[in-house]
Amino acid sequence: MAALARLVLVGFVVLTVVYVSLSLYSRSVRRRKLGIWWEEEGRPGDRDAYVEAGLRDYEGSLRRKLIWGVYIVPVAVVALIVYITNYR
């Protein structure tokens, strides 16, 4: 039982590091694209306001929600492996 607790704890820490890294990377890519789009559209208004408005839209986007798959997919795979190993 201690081995399972250790696996869960270490797995959670590793997945959290991966999630935070991926989330920060995705946000920085979106910020860079918004800056490029601002220049291509003829620089409408304040650049910082344009980028912040775009990042607010990004917070509710599907891409942002798909990053949660970092937690869901590995847990599902481990659960499937445990099931197959024990009950087949």
C-alpha atoms as a PDB file:
ATOM      1  CA  MET A   1       0.000   0.000   0.000  1.00  0.00           C
ATOM      2  CA  ALA A   2       2.904   2.342   0.691  1.00  0.00           C
ATOM      3  CA  ALA A   3       4.193   1.787  -2.834  1.00  0.00           C
ATOM      4  CA  LEU A   4       0.835   2.837  -4.282  1.00  0.00           C
ATOM      5  CA  ALA A   5       0.775   5.973  -2.128  1.00  0.00           C
ATOM      6  CA  ARG A   6       4.310   6.813  -3.248  1.00  0.00           C
ATOM      7  CA  LEU A   7       3.345   6.276  -6.903  1.00  0.00           C
ATOM      8  CA  VAL A   8       0.307   8.514  -6.551  1.00  0.00           C
ATOM      9  CA  LEU A   9       2.259  11.270  -4.786  1.00  0.00           C
ATOM     10  CA  VAL A  10       5.209  11.252  -7.185  1.00  0.00           C
ATOM     11  CA  GLY A  11       2.868  10.974 -10.168  1.00  0.00           C
ATOM     12  CA  PHE A  12       0.813  13.930  -8.981  1.00  0.00           C
ATOM     13  CA  VAL A  13       3.921  16.073  -8.478  1.00  0.00           C
ATOM     14  CA  VAL A  14       5.337  15.176 -11.904  1.00  0.00           C
ATOM     15  CA  LEU A  15       2.006  15.755 -13.645  1.00  0.00           C
ATOM     16  CA  THR A  16       1.619  19.094 -11.871  1.00  0.00           C
ATOM     17  CA  VAL A  17       5.048  20.230 -13.063  1.00  0.00           C
ATOM     18  CA  VAL A  18       4.186  19.149 -16.617  1.00  0.00           C
ATOM     19  CA  TYR A  19       0.785  20.875 -16.429  1.00  0.00           C
ATOM     20  CA  VAL A  20       2.192  24.165 -15.149  1.00  0.00           C
ATOM     21  CA  SER A  21       5.004  24.136 -17.721  1.00  0.00           C
ATOM     22  CA  LEU A  22       2.636  23.363 -20.589  1.00  0.00           C
ATOM     23  CA  SER A  23       0.148  25.967 -19.402  1.00  0.00           C
ATOM     24  CA  LEU A  24       2.790  28.695 -19.162  1.00  0.00           C
ATOM     25  CA  TYR A  25       4.226  27.755 -22.553  1.00  0.00           C
ATOM     26  CA  SER A  26       0.806  27.788 -24.221  1.00  0.00           C
ATOM     27  CA  ARG A  27      -0.013  31.161 -22.682  1.00  0.00           C
ATOM     28  CA  SER A  28       3.281  32.654 -23.882  1.00  0.00           C
ATOM     29  CA  VAL A  29       2.687  31.349 -27.408  1.00  0.00           C
ATOM     30  CA  ARG A  30      -0.788  32.887 -27.395  1.00  0.00           C
ATOM     31  CA  ARG A  31       0.630  36.200 -26.110  1.00  0.00           C
ATOM     32  CA  ARG A  32       3.209  36.242 -28.922  1.00  0.00           C
ATOM     33  CA  LYS A  33       0.553  35.467 -31.561  1.00  0.00           C
ATOM     34  CA  LEU A  34      -1.686  38.219 -30.231  1.00  0.00           C
ATOM     35  CA  GLY A  35       1.193  40.681 -30.568  1.00  0.00           C
ATOM     36  CA  ILE A  36       1.752  39.607 -34.161  1.00  0.00           C
ATOM     37  CA  TRP A  37      -1.972  39.822 -34.952  1.00  0.00           C
ATOM     38  CA  TRP A  38      -2.101  43.305 -33.419  1.00  0.00           C
ATOM     39  CA  GLU A  39       0.613  44.476 -35.814  1.00  0.00           C
ATOM     40  CA  GLU A  40      -1.015  42.774 -38.831  1.00  0.00           C
ATOM     41  CA  GLU A  41      -4.387  44.410 -38.123  1.00  0.00           C
ATOM     42  CA  GLY A  42      -2.866  47.871 -38.352  1.00  0.00           C
ATOM     43  CA  ARG A  43      -2.213  48.442 -34.653  1.00  0.00           C
ATOM     44  CA  PRO A  44      -5.766  49.146 -33.479  1.00  0.00           C
ATOM     45  CA  GLY A  45      -5.640  50.828 -30.063  1.00  0.00           C
ATOM     46  CA  ASP A  46      -3.293  49.981 -27.225  1.00  0.00           C
ATOM     47  CA  ARG A  47      -1.177  46.838 -27.727  1.00  0.00           C
ATOM     48  CA  ASP A  48      -1.280  45.787 -24.074  1.00  0.00           C
ATOM     49  CA  ALA A  49      -5.064  46.149 -23.897  1.00  0.00           C
ATOM     50  CA  TYR A  50      -5.424  44.123 -27.112  1.00  0.00           C
ATOM     51  CA  VAL A  51      -3.195  41.344 -25.795  1.00  0.00           C
ATOM     52  CA  GLU A  52      -4.917  41.246 -22.376  1.00  0.00           C
ATOM     53  CA  ALA A  53      -8.358  41.046 -24.021  1.00  0.00           C
ATOM     54  CA  GLY A  54      -7.112  38.176 -26.181  1.00  0.00           C
ATOM     55  CA  LEU A  55      -5.703  36.364 -23.151  1.00  0.00           C
ATOM     56  CA  ARG A  56      -9.052  36.726 -21.348  1.00  0.00           C
ATOM     57  CA  ASP A  57     -10.696  35.042 -24.345  1.00  0.00           C
ATOM     58  CA  TYR A  58      -7.990  32.369 -24.258  1.00  0.00           C
ATOM     59  CA  GLU A  59      -8.805  31.507 -20.618  1.00  0.00           C
ATOM     60  CA  GLY A  60     -12.173  30.097 -21.689  1.00  0.00           C
ATOM     61  CA  SER A  61     -10.952  28.407 -24.859  1.00  0.00           C
ATOM     62  CA  LEU A  62     -10.976  24.724 -25.715  1.00  0.00           C
ATOM     63  CA  ARG A  63      -7.182  24.619 -25.960  1.00  0.00           C
ATOM     64  CA  ARG A  64      -6.880  25.757 -22.357  1.00  0.00           C
ATOM     65  CA  LYS A  65      -9.287  23.018 -21.254  1.00  0.00           C
ATOM     66  CA  LEU A  66      -7.478  20.348 -23.259  1.00  0.00           C
ATOM     67  CA  ILE A  67      -4.345  20.938 -21.204  1.00  0.00           C
ATOM     68  CA  TRP A  68      -6.183  19.204 -18.343  1.00  0.00           C
ATOM     69  CA  GLY A  69      -5.604  16.023 -20.347  1.00  0.00           C
ATOM     70  CA  VAL A  70      -2.149  16.029 -18.752  1.00  0.00           C
ATOM     71  CA  TYR A  71      -3.870  14.711 -15.613  1.00  0.00           C
ATOM     72  CA  ILE A  72      -6.628  12.656 -17.197  1.00  0.00           C
ATOM     73  CA  VAL A  73      -4.766  10.605 -19.823  1.00  0.00           C
ATOM     74  CA  PRO A  74      -1.946   9.173 -17.639  1.00  0.00           C
ATOM     75  CA  VAL A  75      -4.345   8.304 -14.806  1.00  0.00           C
ATOM     76  CA  ALA A  76      -6.669   6.548 -17.250  1.00  0.00           C
ATOM     77  CA  VAL A  77      -3.768   4.613 -18.797  1.00  0.00           C
ATOM     78  CA  VAL A  78      -2.472   3.463 -15.400  1.00  0.00           C
ATOM     79  CA  ALA A  79      -5.989   2.458 -14.336  1.00  0.00           C
ATOM     80  CA  LEU A  80      -6.424   0.498 -17.576  1.00  0.00           C
ATOM     81  CA  ILE A  81      -3.087  -1.279 -17.098  1.00  0.00           C
ATOM     82  CA  VAL A  82      -3.984  -2.196 -13.508  1.00  0.00           C
ATOM     83  CA  TYR A  83      -7.376  -3.498 -14.625  1.00  0.00           C
ATOM     84  CA  ILE A  84      -5.934  -5.563 -17.478  1.00  0.00           C
ATOM     85  CA  THR A  85      -3.166  -6.943 -15.278  1.00  0.00           C
ATOM     86  CA  ASN A  86      -5.462  -7.996 -12.444  1.00  0.00           C
ATOM     87  CA  TYR A  87      -8.702  -9.009 -14.120  1.00  0.00           C
ATOM     88  CA  ARG A  88      -7.824 -10.547 -17.469  1.00  0.00           C
END
